[in-house]
Amino acid sequence: MFDDTYRTIDSVSEGVYKEKGSKFIAFAIPATSEEEVKVHLSVIKKNHHDARHHCYAYILGHNKSAYRINDDGEPSGTAGKPIYGQLLSKDLTNVLVVVVRYFGGTKLGVSGLITAYKEAAKEALGSARIVEKTVNDVYRIEFEYPLMNSVMKVLKDECIEQFNQTFEMNCLLDISVRTSQSPRICDIFNKIPGVVIAYLYTA
């Protein structure tokens, strides 16, 4: 059975971890695209331009199809991977975690770095509000104006979200339907003569 829910965070949260003079400031940020990730990274790098490292990991997509790990100059596997591990342990997606390191003068070693980046990420995610969202299919419905009442009745009865409406002689609108409900909703519209429903994308 396809699971049509996923876990993410609803706002930015922060965490701090200190070790031997080094300060690790972590930011957990909701993000739904790589473009968003780039914007958040550039803002953090600008705000913390004097930090030694800006390490991060992210997971994107309701099916966790996109992810990336970046050590930003730290020894391979000591920063991005432990941050990514915290995202996995909380089963999150559409989240970027950036850990900014201010070097304190004392090297921490491989195990020390892994612990520091892990704990900083854990702090940020621990203070985030985790929410469960549904995976939705978006469809376009086309119909002649006289069928407006029939279409609107279904939307109202089923509490379906609608947007991008164009109501003229030829009407069209987009709807968002929870994936598990899609076959049933499509079946309802397919039974109304003159209504055409077409799948657009899943979000």
C-alpha atoms as a PDB file:
ATOM      1  CA  MET A   1       0.000   0.000   0.000  1.00  0.00           C
ATOM      2  CA  PHE A   2       1.416   3.371  -1.040  1.00  0.00           C
ATOM      3  CA  ASP A   3       1.902   5.642   1.957  1.00  0.00           C
ATOM      4  CA  ASP A   4       0.574   9.081   0.974  1.00  0.00           C
ATOM      5  CA  THR A   5       1.925  10.992   3.954  1.00  0.00           C
ATOM      6  CA  TYR A   6       5.368  12.353   4.788  1.00  0.00           C
ATOM      7  CA  ARG A   7       7.033  14.106   7.714  1.00  0.00           C
ATOM      8  CA  THR A   8       8.633  17.548   7.517  1.00  0.00           C
ATOM      9  CA  ILE A   9       9.123  20.668   9.657  1.00  0.00           C
ATOM     10  CA  ASP A  10       6.913  23.753   9.511  1.00  0.00           C
ATOM     11  CA  SER A  11       9.424  26.512  10.329  1.00  0.00           C
ATOM     12  CA  VAL A  12      13.115  27.284  10.840  1.00  0.00           C
ATOM     13  CA  SER A  13      14.735  26.048  14.053  1.00  0.00           C
ATOM     14  CA  GLU A  14      18.233  26.325  15.468  1.00  0.00           C
ATOM     15  CA  GLY A  15      20.627  24.360  17.635  1.00  0.00           C
ATOM     16  CA  VAL A  16      24.089  24.996  19.078  1.00  0.00           C
ATOM     17  CA  TYR A  17      26.885  22.607  20.074  1.00  0.00           C
ATOM     18  CA  LYS A  18      30.233  23.654  21.552  1.00  0.00           C
ATOM     19  CA  GLU A  19      33.405  21.580  21.805  1.00  0.00           C
ATOM     20  CA  LYS A  20      36.973  22.665  22.693  1.00  0.00           C
ATOM     21  CA  GLY A  21      36.372  26.276  21.680  1.00  0.00           C
ATOM     22  CA  SER A  22      34.658  25.435  18.387  1.00  0.00           C
ATOM     23  CA  LYS A  23      31.047  26.519  18.028  1.00  0.00           C
ATOM     24  CA  PHE A  24      28.639  24.644  15.770  1.00  0.00           C
ATOM     25  CA  ILE A  25      25.414  26.509  14.929  1.00  0.00           C
ATOM     26  CA  ALA A  26      22.785  24.404  13.176  1.00  0.00           C
ATOM     27  CA  PHE A  27      19.801  25.605  11.162  1.00  0.00           C
ATOM     28  CA  ALA A  28      16.927  23.287  10.194  1.00  0.00           C
ATOM     29  CA  ILE A  29      14.976  24.876   7.336  1.00  0.00           C
ATOM     30  CA  PRO A  30      11.882  23.753   5.395  1.00  0.00           C
ATOM     31  CA  ALA A  31      12.674  23.575   1.646  1.00  0.00           C
ATOM     32  CA  THR A  32      10.841  21.989  -1.269  1.00  0.00           C
ATOM     33  CA  SER A  33      13.283  22.522  -4.161  1.00  0.00           C
ATOM     34  CA  GLU A  34      16.998  22.770  -4.917  1.00  0.00           C
ATOM     35  CA  GLU A  35      16.439  26.426  -5.875  1.00  0.00           C
ATOM     36  CA  GLU A  36      15.119  27.098  -2.348  1.00  0.00           C
ATOM     37  CA  VAL A  37      18.105  25.262  -0.883  1.00  0.00           C
ATOM     38  CA  LYS A  38      20.512  27.486  -2.844  1.00  0.00           C
ATOM     39  CA  VAL A  39      18.797  30.649  -1.580  1.00  0.00           C
ATOM     40  CA  HIS A  40      18.915  29.499   2.057  1.00  0.00           C
ATOM     41  CA  LEU A  41      22.571  28.476   1.740  1.00  0.00           C
ATOM     42  CA  SER A  42      23.591  31.821   0.248  1.00  0.00           C
ATOM     43  CA  VAL A  43      21.796  33.725   3.032  1.00  0.00           C
ATOM     44  CA  ILE A  44      23.464  31.647   5.753  1.00  0.00           C
ATOM     45  CA  LYS A  45      26.899  31.988   4.137  1.00  0.00           C
ATOM     46  CA  LYS A  46      26.386  35.745   3.916  1.00  0.00           C
ATOM     47  CA  ASN A  47      25.228  36.020   7.538  1.00  0.00           C
ATOM     48  CA  HIS A  48      28.090  33.783   8.748  1.00  0.00           C
ATOM     49  CA  HIS A  49      30.776  34.780   6.228  1.00  0.00           C
ATOM     50  CA  ASP A  50      33.444  34.650   8.947  1.00  0.00           C
ATOM     51  CA  ALA A  51      32.735  30.986   9.822  1.00  0.00           C
ATOM     52  CA  ARG A  52      35.284  28.336   8.798  1.00  0.00           C
ATOM     53  CA  HIS A  53      32.771  25.826   7.375  1.00  0.00           C
ATOM     54  CA  HIS A  54      29.140  25.732   6.211  1.00  0.00           C
ATOM     55  CA  CYS A  55      28.323  22.012   6.064  1.00  0.00           C
ATOM     56  CA  TYR A  56      24.896  20.719   5.125  1.00  0.00           C
ATOM     57  CA  ALA A  57      22.595  17.924   4.070  1.00  0.00           C
ATOM     58  CA  TYR A  58      19.110  17.930   2.648  1.00  0.00           C
ATOM     59  CA  ILE A  59      16.355  15.549   1.563  1.00  0.00           C
ATOM     60  CA  LEU A  60      13.660  16.673  -0.890  1.00  0.00           C
ATOM     61  CA  GLY A  61      10.462  15.207  -2.347  1.00  0.00           C
ATOM     62  CA  HIS A  62       7.578  13.310  -0.771  1.00  0.00           C
ATOM     63  CA  ASN A  63       9.348  10.099  -1.843  1.00  0.00           C
ATOM     64  CA  LYS A  64      12.776  11.432  -0.679  1.00  0.00           C
ATOM     65  CA  SER A  65      14.003  11.242  -4.276  1.00  0.00           C
ATOM     66  CA  ALA A  66      16.582  14.050  -3.986  1.00  0.00           C
ATOM     67  CA  TYR A  67      19.279  14.421  -1.364  1.00  0.00           C
ATOM     68  CA  ARG A  68      22.741  15.860  -1.003  1.00  0.00           C
ATOM     69  CA  ILE A  69      25.570  15.790   1.537  1.00  0.00           C
ATOM     70  CA  ASN A  70      28.317  18.452   1.701  1.00  0.00           C
ATOM     71  CA  ASP A  71      31.355  18.499   4.027  1.00  0.00           C
ATOM     72  CA  ASP A  72      32.501  21.975   2.880  1.00  0.00           C
ATOM     73  CA  GLY A  73      36.191  21.348   3.512  1.00  0.00           C
ATOM     74  CA  GLU A  74      35.891  19.146   6.591  1.00  0.00           C
ATOM     75  CA  PRO A  75      37.404  15.638   6.317  1.00  0.00           C
ATOM     76  CA  SER A  76      35.220  13.441   4.104  1.00  0.00           C
ATOM     77  CA  GLY A  77      32.290  11.883   5.937  1.00  0.00           C
ATOM     78  CA  THR A  78      32.683  13.913   9.145  1.00  0.00           C
ATOM     79  CA  ALA A  79      30.030  16.602   8.592  1.00  0.00           C
ATOM     80  CA  GLY A  80      27.427  16.133   5.848  1.00  0.00           C
ATOM     81  CA  LYS A  81      26.942  12.441   6.564  1.00  0.00           C
ATOM     82  CA  PRO A  82      26.158  12.783  10.309  1.00  0.00           C
ATOM     83  CA  ILE A  83      23.809  15.692   9.503  1.00  0.00           C
ATOM     84  CA  TYR A  84      22.088  13.527   6.870  1.00  0.00           C
ATOM     85  CA  GLY A  85      21.875  10.711   9.418  1.00  0.00           C
ATOM     86  CA  GLN A  86      19.801  12.916  11.714  1.00  0.00           C
ATOM     87  CA  LEU A  87      17.334  13.677   8.903  1.00  0.00           C
ATOM     88  CA  LEU A  88      17.004   9.928   8.262  1.00  0.00           C
ATOM     89  CA  SER A  89      16.603   9.078  11.947  1.00  0.00           C
ATOM     90  CA  LYS A  90      13.647  11.466  12.204  1.00  0.00           C
ATOM     91  CA  ASP A  91      12.231  10.251   8.858  1.00  0.00           C
ATOM     92  CA  LEU A  92      12.070  13.788   7.443  1.00  0.00           C
ATOM     93  CA  THR A  93      11.942  15.203   3.932  1.00  0.00           C
ATOM     94  CA  ASN A  94      11.768  18.688   2.393  1.00  0.00           C
ATOM     95  CA  VAL A  95      14.284  19.781   5.014  1.00  0.00           C
ATOM     96  CA  LEU A  96      17.716  21.408   4.746  1.00  0.00           C
ATOM     97  CA  VAL A  97      20.070  21.325   7.742  1.00  0.00           C
ATOM     98  CA  VAL A  98      23.101  23.626   7.657  1.00  0.00           C
ATOM     99  CA  VAL A  99      25.739  23.527  10.396  1.00  0.00           C
ATOM    100  CA  VAL A 100      28.045  26.550  10.581  1.00  0.00           C
ATOM    101  CA  ARG A 101      31.372  25.992  12.332  1.00  0.00           C
ATOM    102  CA  TYR A 102      33.423  28.665  14.030  1.00  0.00           C
ATOM    103  CA  PHE A 103      36.852  27.115  14.615  1.00  0.00           C
ATOM    104  CA  GLY A 104      38.132  27.396  18.187  1.00  0.00           C
ATOM    105  CA  GLY A 105      41.785  26.637  17.540  1.00  0.00           C
ATOM    106  CA  THR A 106      41.806  23.009  18.680  1.00  0.00           C
ATOM    107  CA  LYS A 107      41.351  20.183  16.169  1.00  0.00           C
ATOM    108  CA  LEU A 108      38.636  17.721  17.184  1.00  0.00           C
ATOM    109  CA  GLY A 109      39.702  14.694  15.129  1.00  0.00           C
ATOM    110  CA  VAL A 110      37.429  12.589  12.965  1.00  0.00           C
ATOM    111  CA  SER A 111      35.277  11.132  15.740  1.00  0.00           C
ATOM    112  CA  GLY A 112      35.037  14.526  17.452  1.00  0.00           C
ATOM    113  CA  LEU A 113      33.822  16.187  14.262  1.00  0.00           C
ATOM    114  CA  ILE A 114      31.261  13.469  13.573  1.00  0.00           C
ATOM    115  CA  THR A 115      29.874  13.860  17.093  1.00  0.00           C
ATOM    116  CA  ALA A 116      29.814  17.663  16.874  1.00  0.00           C
ATOM    117  CA  TYR A 117      27.964  17.848  13.550  1.00  0.00           C
ATOM    118  CA  LYS A 118      25.573  15.101  14.597  1.00  0.00           C
ATOM    119  CA  GLU A 119      24.745  16.769  17.933  1.00  0.00           C
ATOM    120  CA  ALA A 120      24.312  20.234  16.389  1.00  0.00           C
ATOM    121  CA  ALA A 121      21.918  18.854  13.760  1.00  0.00           C
ATOM    122  CA  LYS A 122      20.113  16.840  16.433  1.00  0.00           C
ATOM    123  CA  GLU A 123      19.650  20.010  18.524  1.00  0.00           C
ATOM    124  CA  ALA A 124      18.152  21.958  15.618  1.00  0.00           C
ATOM    125  CA  LEU A 125      15.785  19.156  14.589  1.00  0.00           C
ATOM    126  CA  GLY A 126      14.906  18.478  18.215  1.00  0.00           C
ATOM    127  CA  SER A 127      13.550  21.999  18.604  1.00  0.00           C
ATOM    128  CA  ALA A 128      11.669  21.926  15.278  1.00  0.00           C
ATOM    129  CA  ARG A 129       7.940  21.312  15.063  1.00  0.00           C
ATOM    130  CA  ILE A 130       7.491  18.176  12.980  1.00  0.00           C
ATOM    131  CA  VAL A 131       4.303  17.970  10.923  1.00  0.00           C
ATOM    132  CA  GLU A 132       2.764  15.252   8.790  1.00  0.00           C
ATOM    133  CA  LYS A 133       1.608  16.246   5.312  1.00  0.00           C
ATOM    134  CA  THR A 134      -0.288  14.344   2.653  1.00  0.00           C
ATOM    135  CA  VAL A 135       0.967  13.531  -0.830  1.00  0.00           C
ATOM    136  CA  ASN A 136      -1.500  15.057  -3.303  1.00  0.00           C
ATOM    137  CA  ASP A 137      -2.217  14.515  -6.994  1.00  0.00           C
ATOM    138  CA  VAL A 138      -3.068  17.618  -9.009  1.00  0.00           C
ATOM    139  CA  TYR A 139      -5.596  17.320 -11.845  1.00  0.00           C
ATOM    140  CA  ARG A 140      -7.036  19.708 -14.417  1.00  0.00           C
ATOM    141  CA  ILE A 141     -10.793  19.572 -15.002  1.00  0.00           C
ATOM    142  CA  GLU A 142     -12.318  20.953 -18.208  1.00  0.00           C
ATOM    143  CA  PHE A 143     -16.048  21.359 -18.807  1.00  0.00           C
ATOM    144  CA  GLU A 144     -18.676  23.555 -20.481  1.00  0.00           C
ATOM    145  CA  TYR A 145     -20.251  26.295 -18.368  1.00  0.00           C
ATOM    146  CA  PRO A 146     -23.675  24.543 -18.037  1.00  0.00           C
ATOM    147  CA  LEU A 147     -21.917  21.728 -16.082  1.00  0.00           C
ATOM    148  CA  MET A 148     -20.633  24.176 -13.445  1.00  0.00           C
ATOM    149  CA  ASN A 149     -23.159  23.156 -10.769  1.00  0.00           C
ATOM    150  CA  SER A 150     -22.419  19.440 -11.174  1.00  0.00           C
ATOM    151  CA  VAL A 151     -18.652  20.001 -10.869  1.00  0.00           C
ATOM    152  CA  MET A 152     -18.954  22.392  -7.925  1.00  0.00           C
ATOM    153  CA  LYS A 153     -21.229  20.001  -6.062  1.00  0.00           C
ATOM    154  CA  VAL A 154     -18.557  17.274  -6.198  1.00  0.00           C
ATOM    155  CA  LEU A 155     -15.843  19.718  -5.064  1.00  0.00           C
ATOM    156  CA  LYS A 156     -17.995  20.861  -2.138  1.00  0.00           C
ATOM    157  CA  ASP A 157     -19.187  17.375  -1.119  1.00  0.00           C
ATOM    158  CA  GLU A 158     -15.631  15.995  -1.185  1.00  0.00           C
ATOM    159  CA  CYS A 159     -13.969  19.134   0.308  1.00  0.00           C
ATOM    160  CA  ILE A 160     -11.526  19.311  -2.614  1.00  0.00           C
ATOM    161  CA  GLU A 161      -9.046  22.168  -2.883  1.00  0.00           C
ATOM    162  CA  GLN A 162      -9.290  24.089  -6.161  1.00  0.00           C
ATOM    163  CA  PHE A 163      -7.164  26.771  -7.806  1.00  0.00           C
ATOM    164  CA  ASN A 164      -6.273  28.323 -11.202  1.00  0.00           C
ATOM    165  CA  GLN A 165      -9.949  28.663 -12.108  1.00  0.00           C
ATOM    166  CA  THR A 166     -11.049  29.995 -15.487  1.00  0.00           C
ATOM    167  CA  PHE A 167     -14.832  30.327 -15.747  1.00  0.00           C
ATOM    168  CA  GLU A 168     -15.999  31.215 -19.263  1.00  0.00           C
ATOM    169  CA  MET A 169     -18.035  29.206 -21.775  1.00  0.00           C
ATOM    170  CA  ASN A 170     -15.223  26.673 -21.623  1.00  0.00           C
ATOM    171  CA  CYS A 171     -14.253  26.309 -17.966  1.00  0.00           C
ATOM    172  CA  LEU A 172     -11.173  24.796 -16.430  1.00  0.00           C
ATOM    173  CA  LEU A 173      -9.773  24.511 -12.940  1.00  0.00           C
ATOM    174  CA  ASP A 174      -7.055  22.615 -11.147  1.00  0.00           C
ATOM    175  CA  ILE A 175      -7.736  20.486  -8.090  1.00  0.00           C
ATOM    176  CA  SER A 176      -5.532  18.867  -5.468  1.00  0.00           C
ATOM    177  CA  VAL A 177      -6.577  15.427  -4.233  1.00  0.00           C
ATOM    178  CA  ARG A 178      -4.931  13.191  -1.651  1.00  0.00           C
ATOM    179  CA  THR A 179      -3.226  10.406  -3.611  1.00  0.00           C
ATOM    180  CA  SER A 180      -5.109   7.586  -1.878  1.00  0.00           C
ATOM    181  CA  GLN A 181      -8.409   9.258  -2.865  1.00  0.00           C
ATOM    182  CA  SER A 182      -7.430   9.973  -6.494  1.00  0.00           C
ATOM    183  CA  PRO A 183      -8.957   6.872  -8.165  1.00  0.00           C
ATOM    184  CA  ARG A 184     -12.315   7.436  -6.454  1.00  0.00           C
ATOM    185  CA  ILE A 185     -12.447  11.159  -7.284  1.00  0.00           C
ATOM    186  CA  CYS A 186     -11.428  10.543 -10.906  1.00  0.00           C
ATOM    187  CA  ASP A 187     -14.165   7.932 -11.182  1.00  0.00           C
ATOM    188  CA  ILE A 188     -16.782  10.438  -9.948  1.00  0.00           C
ATOM    189  CA  PHE A 189     -15.771  13.047 -12.543  1.00  0.00           C
ATOM    190  CA  ASN A 190     -15.454  10.483 -15.334  1.00  0.00           C
ATOM    191  CA  LYS A 191     -19.116   9.574 -14.751  1.00  0.00           C
ATOM    192  CA  ILE A 192     -20.249  13.148 -15.478  1.00  0.00           C
ATOM    193  CA  PRO A 193     -20.743  13.397 -19.274  1.00  0.00           C
ATOM    194  CA  GLY A 194     -18.811  16.329 -20.741  1.00  0.00           C
ATOM    195  CA  VAL A 195     -16.263  16.596 -17.922  1.00  0.00           C
ATOM    196  CA  VAL A 196     -12.635  15.844 -18.803  1.00  0.00           C
ATOM    197  CA  ILE A 197     -10.142  15.238 -15.982  1.00  0.00           C
ATOM    198  CA  ALA A 198      -6.380  15.022 -16.666  1.00  0.00           C
ATOM    199  CA  TYR A 199      -3.512  14.269 -14.288  1.00  0.00           C
ATOM    200  CA  LEU A 200      -0.874  17.032 -14.019  1.00  0.00           C
ATOM    201  CA  TYR A 201       1.606  16.108 -11.263  1.00  0.00           C
ATOM    202  CA  THR A 202       2.064  14.800  -7.730  1.00  0.00           C
ATOM    203  CA  ALA A 203       3.231  17.053  -4.922  1.00  0.00           C
END
